[in-house]
C-alpha atoms as a PDB file:
ATOM      1  CA  MET A   1     -19.260  12.963   9.498  1.00  0.00           C
ATOM      2  CA  PRO A   2     -17.147  14.719   6.803  1.00  0.00           C
ATOM      3  CA  HIS A   3     -13.405  14.583   7.146  1.00  0.00           C
ATOM      4  CA  LYS A   4     -11.412  17.734   6.144  1.00  0.00           C
ATOM      5  CA  ILE A   5      -8.195  17.606   4.236  1.00  0.00           C
ATOM      6  CA  ILE A   6      -5.559  19.338   6.427  1.00  0.00           C
ATOM      7  CA  SER A   7      -2.540  19.154   4.020  1.00  0.00           C
ATOM      8  CA  LYS A   8      -1.844  17.696   0.631  1.00  0.00           C
ATOM      9  CA  THR A   9       1.374  17.023  -1.312  1.00  0.00           C
ATOM     10  CA  GLN A  10       2.111  15.642  -4.717  1.00  0.00           C
ATOM     11  CA  LEU A  11       4.947  13.032  -4.442  1.00  0.00           C
ATOM     12  CA  SER A  12       5.255  12.241  -8.196  1.00  0.00           C
ATOM     13  CA  GLU A  13       3.291  12.716 -11.358  1.00  0.00           C
ATOM     14  CA  ASN A  14       0.452  10.433 -10.133  1.00  0.00           C
ATOM     15  CA  THR A  15       1.157   9.915  -6.444  1.00  0.00           C
ATOM     16  CA  PHE A  16      -0.262  12.115  -3.703  1.00  0.00           C
ATOM     17  CA  THR A  17      -0.316  12.224   0.054  1.00  0.00           C
ATOM     18  CA  ALA A  18      -2.766  13.988   2.298  1.00  0.00           C
ATOM     19  CA  ASP A  19      -3.384  14.447   6.065  1.00  0.00           C
ATOM     20  CA  VAL A  20      -7.068  14.041   6.780  1.00  0.00           C
ATOM     21  CA  GLU A  21      -9.065  14.712   9.937  1.00  0.00           C
ATOM     22  CA  ALA A  22     -10.060  11.452  11.569  1.00  0.00           C
ATOM     23  CA  PRO A  23      -9.461  11.706  15.322  1.00  0.00           C
ATOM     24  CA  LEU A  24     -11.046   8.394  16.355  1.00  0.00           C
ATOM     25  CA  ILE A  25      -9.204   6.450  13.665  1.00  0.00           C
ATOM     26  CA  ALA A  26      -5.911   8.284  14.487  1.00  0.00           C
ATOM     27  CA  ARG A  27      -6.108   7.091  18.127  1.00  0.00           C
ATOM     28  CA  ALA A  28      -7.110   3.493  17.292  1.00  0.00           C
ATOM     29  CA  ARG A  29      -5.106   2.595  14.187  1.00  0.00           C
ATOM     30  CA  LYS A  30      -2.166   0.165  14.259  1.00  0.00           C
ATOM     31  CA  PRO A  31       0.423  -0.695  11.637  1.00  0.00           C
ATOM     32  CA  GLY A  32      -0.978  -2.706   8.715  1.00  0.00           C
ATOM     33  CA  GLN A  33      -4.535  -1.334   9.053  1.00  0.00           C
ATOM     34  CA  PHE A  34      -6.455   0.569   6.414  1.00  0.00           C
ATOM     35  CA  VAL A  35      -9.529   2.678   5.821  1.00  0.00           C
ATOM     36  CA  ILE A  36     -12.272   2.627   3.154  1.00  0.00           C
ATOM     37  CA  ILE A  37     -13.256   6.058   1.780  1.00  0.00           C
ATOM     38  CA  GLY A  38     -16.229   7.361  -0.144  1.00  0.00           C
ATOM     39  CA  ILE A  39     -15.450  10.885  -1.465  1.00  0.00           C
ATOM     40  CA  ASN A  40     -18.736  12.546  -2.305  1.00  0.00           C
ATOM     41  CA  ASN A  41     -21.809  10.793  -0.982  1.00  0.00           C
ATOM     42  CA  GLU A  42     -23.301   7.449   0.025  1.00  0.00           C
ATOM     43  CA  TYR A  43     -23.313   6.345  -3.587  1.00  0.00           C
ATOM     44  CA  SER A  44     -19.669   7.072  -4.216  1.00  0.00           C
ATOM     45  CA  GLU A  45     -17.296   4.169  -5.097  1.00  0.00           C
ATOM     46  CA  ARG A  46     -15.633   2.850  -1.968  1.00  0.00           C
ATOM     47  CA  ILE A  47     -11.866   2.283  -2.190  1.00  0.00           C
ATOM     48  CA  PRO A  48      -9.418   0.983   0.434  1.00  0.00           C
ATOM     49  CA  LEU A  49      -6.376   3.055   1.326  1.00  0.00           C
ATOM     50  CA  THR A  50      -3.627   2.104   3.915  1.00  0.00           C
ATOM     51  CA  ILE A  51      -3.139   4.387   6.906  1.00  0.00           C
ATOM     52  CA  ALA A  52       0.521   5.458   6.178  1.00  0.00           C
ATOM     53  CA  ASP A  53       0.870   7.336   9.398  1.00  0.00           C
ATOM     54  CA  ALA A  54      -1.315   8.904  12.156  1.00  0.00           C
ATOM     55  CA  ASP A  55      -0.915  11.835  14.597  1.00  0.00           C
ATOM     56  CA  HIS A  56      -3.296  11.192  17.487  1.00  0.00           C
ATOM     57  CA  LYS A  57      -2.590  14.583  19.086  1.00  0.00           C
ATOM     58  CA  LYS A  58      -3.638  16.423  15.880  1.00  0.00           C
ATOM     59  CA  GLY A  59      -6.301  13.844  15.099  1.00  0.00           C
ATOM     60  CA  THR A  60      -5.182  13.209  11.580  1.00  0.00           C
ATOM     61  CA  ILE A  61      -4.221  10.172   9.510  1.00  0.00           C
ATOM     62  CA  LYS A  62      -1.921  10.200   6.449  1.00  0.00           C
ATOM     63  CA  LEU A  63      -3.179   8.657   3.199  1.00  0.00           C
ATOM     64  CA  ILE A  64      -1.001   7.980   0.194  1.00  0.00           C
ATOM     65  CA  TRP A  65      -2.522   6.975  -3.157  1.00  0.00           C
ATOM     66  CA  GLN A  66      -1.836   6.720  -6.854  1.00  0.00           C
ATOM     67  CA  ARG A  67      -4.094   8.265  -9.480  1.00  0.00           C
ATOM     68  CA  VAL A  68      -5.110   5.182 -11.535  1.00  0.00           C
ATOM     69  CA  GLY A  69      -8.941   5.239 -11.644  1.00  0.00           C
ATOM     70  CA  LYS A  70     -11.857   7.549 -11.364  1.00  0.00           C
ATOM     71  CA  THR A  71     -12.051   7.675  -7.637  1.00  0.00           C
ATOM     72  CA  THR A  72      -8.285   8.177  -7.025  1.00  0.00           C
ATOM     73  CA  ALA A  73      -8.388  10.895  -9.724  1.00  0.00           C
ATOM     74  CA  GLU A  74     -11.227  12.623  -7.906  1.00  0.00           C
ATOM     75  CA  LEU A  75      -9.265  12.370  -4.692  1.00  0.00           C
ATOM     76  CA  ALA A  76      -6.190  13.826  -6.343  1.00  0.00           C
ATOM     77  CA  ASP A  77      -8.326  16.863  -7.465  1.00  0.00           C
ATOM     78  CA  LEU A  78      -9.372  17.666  -3.905  1.00  0.00           C
ATOM     79  CA  ASN A  79      -7.592  20.533  -2.203  1.00  0.00           C
ATOM     80  CA  VAL A  80      -6.698  21.568   1.353  1.00  0.00           C
ATOM     81  CA  GLY A  81     -10.008  22.419   3.172  1.00  0.00           C
ATOM     82  CA  ASP A  82     -12.083  20.094   1.018  1.00  0.00           C
ATOM     83  CA  GLN A  83     -13.907  17.267   2.715  1.00  0.00           C
ATOM     84  CA  ILE A  84     -14.141  13.530   2.190  1.00  0.00           C
ATOM     85  CA  VAL A  85     -17.587  12.349   3.081  1.00  0.00           C
ATOM     86  CA  ASN A  86     -16.849   8.950   4.408  1.00  0.00           C
ATOM     87  CA  VAL A  87     -13.726   7.541   6.000  1.00  0.00           C
ATOM     88  CA  VAL A  88     -14.343   4.117   7.676  1.00  0.00           C
ATOM     89  CA  GLY A  89     -11.676   2.443   9.824  1.00  0.00           C
ATOM     90  CA  PRO A  90      -9.345   1.310  11.104  1.00  0.00           C
ATOM     91  CA  LEU A  91     -10.128  -1.953   9.291  1.00  0.00           C
ATOM     92  CA  GLY A  92      -8.145  -5.234   8.923  1.00  0.00           C
ATOM     93  CA  ARG A  93      -5.908  -7.090  11.296  1.00  0.00           C
ATOM     94  CA  PRO A  94      -2.835  -5.194  12.551  1.00  0.00           C
ATOM     95  CA  THR A  95       0.668  -6.361  11.765  1.00  0.00           C
ATOM     96  CA  HIS A  96       2.217  -8.838  14.115  1.00  0.00           C
ATOM     97  CA  ILE A  97       5.240  -7.053  15.459  1.00  0.00           C
ATOM     98  CA  GLU A  98       7.961  -8.727  17.441  1.00  0.00           C
ATOM     99  CA  ARG A  99      11.735  -8.815  17.669  1.00  0.00           C
ATOM    100  CA  PHE A 100      12.594 -11.167  14.772  1.00  0.00           C
ATOM    101  CA  GLY A 101      16.178 -10.126  14.287  1.00  0.00           C
ATOM    102  CA  THR A 102      17.033  -8.996  10.771  1.00  0.00           C
ATOM    103  CA  VAL A 103      13.955  -7.981   8.697  1.00  0.00           C
ATOM    104  CA  VAL A 104      13.919  -7.139   5.045  1.00  0.00           C
ATOM    105  CA  CYS A 105      11.231  -4.737   4.018  1.00  0.00           C
ATOM    106  CA  VAL A 106      10.515  -4.835   0.267  1.00  0.00           C
ATOM    107  CA  GLY A 107       8.347  -2.017  -1.215  1.00  0.00           C
ATOM    108  CA  GLY A 108       7.457  -1.789  -4.892  1.00  0.00           C
ATOM    109  CA  GLY A 109       6.025   1.503  -6.218  1.00  0.00           C
ATOM    110  CA  ILE A 110       3.118   2.725  -4.079  1.00  0.00           C
ATOM    111  CA  GLY A 111       3.600  -0.326  -1.847  1.00  0.00           C
ATOM    112  CA  SER A 112       6.229   1.669   0.058  1.00  0.00           C
ATOM    113  CA  ALA A 113       3.357   3.547   1.708  1.00  0.00           C
ATOM    114  CA  PRO A 114       1.718   0.643   3.659  1.00  0.00           C
ATOM    115  CA  LEU A 115       5.232  -0.667   4.230  1.00  0.00           C
ATOM    116  CA  LEU A 116       6.499   2.372   6.072  1.00  0.00           C
ATOM    117  CA  PRO A 117       4.460   2.178   9.305  1.00  0.00           C
ATOM    118  CA  ILE A 118       5.222  -1.507   9.529  1.00  0.00           C
ATOM    119  CA  ALA A 119       8.971  -0.870   9.117  1.00  0.00           C
ATOM    120  CA  LYS A 120       8.698   1.890  11.790  1.00  0.00           C
ATOM    121  CA  ALA A 121       7.069  -0.422  14.217  1.00  0.00           C
ATOM    122  CA  LEU A 122       9.644  -3.237  13.468  1.00  0.00           C
ATOM    123  CA  LYS A 123      12.443  -0.703  14.102  1.00  0.00           C
ATOM    124  CA  ASP A 124      10.875   0.337  17.396  1.00  0.00           C
ATOM    125  CA  ALA A 125      10.788  -3.431  18.350  1.00  0.00           C
ATOM    126  CA  ARG A 126      14.599  -3.394  17.921  1.00  0.00           C
ATOM    127  CA  ASN A 127      14.844  -5.235  14.672  1.00  0.00           C
ATOM    128  CA  LYS A 128      17.657  -4.611  12.120  1.00  0.00           C
ATOM    129  CA  ILE A 129      15.909  -3.191   9.100  1.00  0.00           C
ATOM    130  CA  ILE A 130      17.166  -3.785   5.514  1.00  0.00           C
ATOM    131  CA  ALA A 131      14.798  -1.839   3.120  1.00  0.00           C
ATOM    132  CA  ILE A 132      14.555  -2.497  -0.584  1.00  0.00           C
ATOM    133  CA  LEU A 133      12.484   0.130  -2.510  1.00  0.00           C
ATOM    134  CA  GLY A 134      11.781  -0.299  -6.131  1.00  0.00           C
ATOM    135  CA  ALA A 135      10.131   1.720  -8.923  1.00  0.00           C
ATOM    136  CA  ARG A 136       9.889   1.841 -12.627  1.00  0.00           C
ATOM    137  CA  THR A 137      11.846   5.095 -12.803  1.00  0.00           C
ATOM    138  CA  LYS A 138      13.416   7.638 -10.430  1.00  0.00           C
ATOM    139  CA  ASP A 139      10.445  10.051 -10.720  1.00  0.00           C
ATOM    140  CA  LEU A 140       8.049   7.266  -9.365  1.00  0.00           C
ATOM    141  CA  LEU A 141      10.158   6.503  -6.227  1.00  0.00           C
ATOM    142  CA  VAL A 142       8.457   7.659  -3.034  1.00  0.00           C
ATOM    143  CA  LEU A 143       9.387   7.799   0.683  1.00  0.00           C
ATOM    144  CA  GLU A 144      13.147   7.305   0.213  1.00  0.00           C
ATOM    145  CA  ASP A 145      13.999   9.852   2.876  1.00  0.00           C
ATOM    146  CA  GLU A 146      11.470   8.318   5.458  1.00  0.00           C
ATOM    147  CA  PHE A 147      13.018   4.862   4.929  1.00  0.00           C
ATOM    148  CA  ALA A 148      16.498   6.193   5.172  1.00  0.00           C
ATOM    149  CA  GLN A 149      15.818   7.487   8.605  1.00  0.00           C
ATOM    150  CA  ILE A 150      14.803   4.023  10.034  1.00  0.00           C
ATOM    151  CA  SER A 151      16.810   1.556   7.883  1.00  0.00           C
ATOM    152  CA  ASP A 152      20.112   0.039   8.844  1.00  0.00           C
ATOM    153  CA  GLU A 153      20.617  -0.648   5.153  1.00  0.00           C
ATOM    154  CA  LEU A 154      18.696   0.907   2.234  1.00  0.00           C
ATOM    155  CA  ILE A 155      18.769  -0.402  -1.300  1.00  0.00           C
ATOM    156  CA  ILE A 156      17.022   1.445  -4.207  1.00  0.00           C
ATOM    157  CA  THR A 157      16.282  -0.247  -7.566  1.00  0.00           C
ATOM    158  CA  THR A 158      14.667   1.141 -10.731  1.00  0.00           C
ATOM    159  CA  ASP A 159      13.583  -0.774 -13.806  1.00  0.00           C
ATOM    160  CA  ASP A 160      15.306   1.717 -16.112  1.00  0.00           C
ATOM    161  CA  GLY A 161      18.385   2.323 -14.064  1.00  0.00           C
ATOM    162  CA  SER A 162      17.712   5.972 -13.712  1.00  0.00           C
ATOM    163  CA  TYR A 163      18.402   5.830  -9.976  1.00  0.00           C
ATOM    164  CA  GLY A 164      20.022   3.200  -7.662  1.00  0.00           C
ATOM    165  CA  LEU A 165      20.532  -0.220  -9.031  1.00  0.00           C
ATOM    166  CA  LYS A 166      19.166  -1.165 -12.411  1.00  0.00           C
ATOM    167  CA  GLY A 167      16.716  -4.103 -12.086  1.00  0.00           C
ATOM    168  CA  LEU A 168      13.987  -5.562 -10.010  1.00  0.00           C
ATOM    169  CA  VAL A 169      13.715  -5.747  -6.211  1.00  0.00           C
ATOM    170  CA  THR A 170      14.116  -9.489  -6.315  1.00  0.00           C
ATOM    171  CA  GLU A 171      17.749  -9.182  -7.355  1.00  0.00           C
ATOM    172  CA  PRO A 172      19.027  -7.531  -4.137  1.00  0.00           C
ATOM    173  CA  LEU A 173      16.635  -9.635  -2.164  1.00  0.00           C
ATOM    174  CA  LYS A 174      18.248 -12.844  -3.482  1.00  0.00           C
ATOM    175  CA  GLU A 175      21.748 -11.473  -2.614  1.00  0.00           C
ATOM    176  CA  ILE A 176      20.551 -10.807   0.942  1.00  0.00           C
ATOM    177  CA  CYS A 177      19.035 -14.171   1.352  1.00  0.00           C
ATOM    178  CA  GLU A 178      22.343 -15.734   0.212  1.00  0.00           C
ATOM    179  CA  ARG A 179      24.363 -13.996   2.990  1.00  0.00           C
ATOM    180  CA  ASP A 180      25.982 -16.016   5.662  1.00  0.00           C
ATOM    181  CA  GLU A 181      23.455 -14.533   8.121  1.00  0.00           C
ATOM    182  CA  LYS A 182      20.259 -14.810   6.142  1.00  0.00           C
ATOM    183  CA  PRO A 183      17.361 -12.625   7.238  1.00  0.00           C
ATOM    184  CA  ASP A 184      14.893 -13.806   9.809  1.00  0.00           C
ATOM    185  CA  GLN A 185      11.812 -12.346   8.275  1.00  0.00           C
ATOM    186  CA  VAL A 186      10.647 -10.589   5.042  1.00  0.00           C
ATOM    187  CA  PHE A 187       7.772  -8.173   4.490  1.00  0.00           C
ATOM    188  CA  ALA A 188       6.907  -7.470   0.837  1.00  0.00           C
ATOM    189  CA  ILE A 189       4.269  -4.996  -0.286  1.00  0.00           C
ATOM    190  CA  GLY A 190       3.706  -3.831  -3.829  1.00  0.00           C
ATOM    191  CA  PRO A 191       2.233  -5.033  -7.141  1.00  0.00           C
ATOM    192  CA  ALA A 192       0.870  -8.560  -6.937  1.00  0.00           C
ATOM    193  CA  ILE A 193       3.334  -9.850  -9.507  1.00  0.00           C
ATOM    194  CA  MET A 194       6.242  -8.454  -7.503  1.00  0.00           C
ATOM    195  CA  MET A 195       4.953 -10.054  -4.268  1.00  0.00           C
ATOM    196  CA  LYS A 196       4.549 -13.367  -6.066  1.00  0.00           C
ATOM    197  CA  PHE A 197       8.143 -13.483  -7.232  1.00  0.00           C
ATOM    198  CA  CYS A 198       9.482 -12.291  -3.843  1.00  0.00           C
ATOM    199  CA  CYS A 199       7.710 -15.132  -2.213  1.00  0.00           C
ATOM    200  CA  GLU A 200       8.811 -17.713  -4.749  1.00  0.00           C
ATOM    201  CA  LEU A 201      12.418 -16.527  -3.975  1.00  0.00           C
ATOM    202  CA  THR A 202      12.192 -16.518  -0.155  1.00  0.00           C
ATOM    203  CA  LYS A 203      10.434 -19.925  -0.194  1.00  0.00           C
ATOM    204  CA  LEU A 204      13.596 -21.355  -1.645  1.00  0.00           C
ATOM    205  CA  PHE A 205      15.513 -20.101   1.343  1.00  0.00           C
ATOM    206  CA  ASN A 206      12.852 -21.028   3.864  1.00  0.00           C
ATOM    207  CA  ILE A 207      12.465 -17.436   5.013  1.00  0.00           C
ATOM    208  CA  SER A 208       8.956 -16.521   6.421  1.00  0.00           C
ATOM    209  CA  THR A 209       7.445 -13.705   4.260  1.00  0.00           C
ATOM    210  CA  GLN A 210       4.451 -11.567   5.037  1.00  0.00           C
ATOM    211  CA  VAL A 211       2.581  -9.763   2.241  1.00  0.00           C
ATOM    212  CA  SER A 212      -0.089  -7.141   2.405  1.00  0.00           C
ATOM    213  CA  LEU A 213      -2.877  -7.594  -0.187  1.00  0.00           C
ATOM    214  CA  ASN A 214      -4.826  -4.774  -1.810  1.00  0.00           C
ATOM    215  CA  THR A 215      -7.713  -6.529  -3.543  1.00  0.00           C
ATOM    216  CA  ILE A 216     -11.045  -5.348  -4.885  1.00  0.00           C
ATOM    217  CA  MET A 217     -13.075  -4.210  -1.833  1.00  0.00           C
ATOM    218  CA  VAL A 218     -16.572  -2.849  -1.349  1.00  0.00           C
ATOM    219  CA  ASP A 219     -17.903  -2.950   2.230  1.00  0.00           C
ATOM    220  CA  GLY A 220     -14.727  -3.916   4.112  1.00  0.00           C
ATOM    221  CA  THR A 221     -16.678  -6.203   6.546  1.00  0.00           C
ATOM    222  CA  GLY A 222     -16.377  -9.460   4.696  1.00  0.00           C
ATOM    223  CA  MET A 223     -20.081  -9.506   3.530  1.00  0.00           C
ATOM    224  CA  CYS A 224     -19.677  -8.684  -0.202  1.00  0.00           C
ATOM    225  CA  GLY A 225     -16.988 -11.233  -0.934  1.00  0.00           C
ATOM    226  CA  GLY A 226     -15.259  -8.938  -3.433  1.00  0.00           C
ATOM    227  CA  CYS A 227     -11.836  -9.326  -1.793  1.00  0.00           C
ATOM    228  CA  ARG A 228     -11.858 -13.096  -1.645  1.00  0.00           C
ATOM    229  CA  ILE A 229      -8.492 -14.867  -2.278  1.00  0.00           C
ATOM    230  CA  GLU A 230      -7.244 -18.438  -2.033  1.00  0.00           C
ATOM    231  CA  PHE A 231      -4.972 -19.025   0.914  1.00  0.00           C
ATOM    232  CA  ASP A 232      -3.535 -22.473   1.596  1.00  0.00           C
ATOM    233  CA  GLY A 233      -6.249 -23.892  -0.603  1.00  0.00           C
ATOM    234  CA  LYS A 234      -9.069 -22.222   1.284  1.00  0.00           C
ATOM    235  CA  PRO A 235     -11.085 -18.983   0.715  1.00  0.00           C
ATOM    236  CA  LYS A 236     -10.174 -16.006   2.837  1.00  0.00           C
ATOM    237  CA  PHE A 237     -11.398 -12.397   2.795  1.00  0.00           C
ATOM    238  CA  VAL A 238      -8.699  -9.740   2.705  1.00  0.00           C
ATOM    239  CA  CYS A 239     -10.655  -7.088   4.563  1.00  0.00           C
ATOM    240  CA  VAL A 240     -11.310  -9.164   7.690  1.00  0.00           C
ATOM    241  CA  ASP A 241      -8.795 -11.976   7.519  1.00  0.00           C
ATOM    242  CA  GLY A 242      -5.944  -9.732   6.296  1.00  0.00           C
ATOM    243  CA  PRO A 243      -4.708  -7.652   4.717  1.00  0.00           C
ATOM    244  CA  GLU A 244      -1.475  -9.488   5.680  1.00  0.00           C
ATOM    245  CA  PHE A 245      -0.976 -13.143   4.962  1.00  0.00           C
ATOM    246  CA  ASP A 246       1.852 -15.743   4.760  1.00  0.00           C
ATOM    247  CA  GLY A 247       2.925 -15.040   1.166  1.00  0.00           C
ATOM    248  CA  HIS A 248       4.020 -18.630   0.676  1.00  0.00           C
ATOM    249  CA  LYS A 249       0.385 -19.773   0.915  1.00  0.00           C
ATOM    250  CA  VAL A 250      -1.331 -17.170  -1.275  1.00  0.00           C
ATOM    251  CA  ASN A 251      -2.583 -18.164  -4.725  1.00  0.00           C
ATOM    252  CA  PHE A 252      -1.213 -15.127  -6.487  1.00  0.00           C
ATOM    253  CA  ASP A 253      -2.115 -16.277  -9.976  1.00  0.00           C
ATOM    254  CA  LEU A 254      -5.824 -16.468  -9.039  1.00  0.00           C
ATOM    255  CA  MET A 255      -5.616 -13.087  -7.289  1.00  0.00           C
ATOM    256  CA  ILE A 256      -4.021 -11.394 -10.263  1.00  0.00           C
ATOM    257  CA  LYS A 257      -6.946 -12.761 -12.521  1.00  0.00           C
ATOM    258  CA  ARG A 258      -9.529 -11.294 -10.015  1.00  0.00           C
ATOM    259  CA  LEU A 259      -7.699  -7.972  -9.975  1.00  0.00           C
ATOM    260  CA  GLU A 260      -7.911  -7.762 -13.763  1.00  0.00           C
ATOM    261  CA  ALA A 261     -11.726  -8.393 -13.754  1.00  0.00           C
ATOM    262  CA  TYR A 262     -12.737  -4.735 -13.731  1.00  0.00           C
ATOM    263  CA  ARG A 263      -9.605  -3.240 -15.304  1.00  0.00           C
ATOM    264  CA  LYS A 264     -11.420  -2.158 -18.519  1.00  0.00           C
ATOM    265  CA  GLN A 265     -14.312  -0.560 -16.577  1.00  0.00           C
ATOM    266  CA  GLU A 266     -11.890   1.203 -14.355  1.00  0.00           C
ATOM    267  CA  GLN A 267     -10.020   2.693 -17.281  1.00  0.00           C
ATOM    268  CA  GLN A 268     -13.216   3.787 -19.053  1.00  0.00           C
ATOM    269  CA  ALA A 269     -14.506   5.527 -15.843  1.00  0.00           C
ATOM    270  CA  HIS A 270     -11.155   7.312 -15.476  1.00  0.00           C
ATOM    271  CA  GLU A 271     -11.259   8.540 -19.124  1.00  0.00           C
ATOM    272  CA  GLN A 272     -14.862   9.721 -18.744  1.00  0.00           C
ATOM    273  CA  TYR A 273     -13.887  11.588 -15.596  1.00  0.00           C
ATOM    274  CA  LYS A 274     -10.944  13.227 -17.294  1.00  0.00           C
ATOM    275  CA  GLU A 275     -13.145  14.288 -20.188  1.00  0.00           C
ATOM    276  CA  TYR A 276     -15.746  15.730 -17.764  1.00  0.00           C
ATOM    277  CA  ARG A 277     -13.052  17.708 -15.877  1.00  0.00           C
ATOM    278  CA  CYS A 278     -11.793  19.064 -19.203  1.00  0.00           C
ATOM    279  CA  LYS A 279     -15.202  20.333 -20.137  1.00  0.00           C
ATOM    280  CA  ILE A 280     -15.507  22.061 -16.771  1.00  0.00           C
ATOM    281  CA  GLY A 281     -12.325  23.821 -17.447  1.00  0.00           C
ATOM    282  CA  LEU A 282     -13.516  25.059 -20.839  1.00  0.00           C
ATOM    283  CA  ASP A 283     -16.649  26.509 -19.207  1.00  0.00           C
ATOM    284  CA  LYS A 284     -14.612  28.884 -17.106  1.00  0.00           C
END
């Protein structure tokens, strides 16, 4: 059953958000879960996208993505009224939400999108929320206003210092961990290398840290094995065992190597798609 795009907004040069018709998913989804989409037909590449929000009354789910490969570029080129052929979900284990106390939510780049529904649920559970959002530059920062509404303390960092504090998210995270009342829980979502260093830091302070992993996925049911990671020395599948894990037990170095396995092919497919789109424009 096709899923119509109800609204679409460009958040930055390569970041987009859209509300998509998916009433069954909207009613069933919980924080931390995701969908797998196929844009055109049964042979389309399947990619995982976190459900950033949902409106069960309207029957829509909110997707946020970054244009980095062929499929995300195709999705970015769709308009309101266009349809996505396949949207499968909700998939993955929901986030465990409880009243921890003080929770630090660290979002790097597009990782702020899956972090937002988790932070909202944690706030509803009466936790104190300290949010740290990082981006390479001000233009790439997303969801600042949304986090400001739910955070007791909001810290912004940019690599180039164009907005907020200049530096990496680990710097304010370290300062927070060194406070007399250190945080009770950390959630970190973003690039794998960012999550790795956040976890190495919080491990020094013995602060439990959950990460949400966005690995290579195909079927989303655990059968293909594409999303395999090493967790506590044992194999786990992100699509069915995650996407959230105790970050102190994830082998990030191995995961990063696996993420790089198809980087060249991804870039080539993206370039071919851009060339194809350009030729279409010349025909008009």
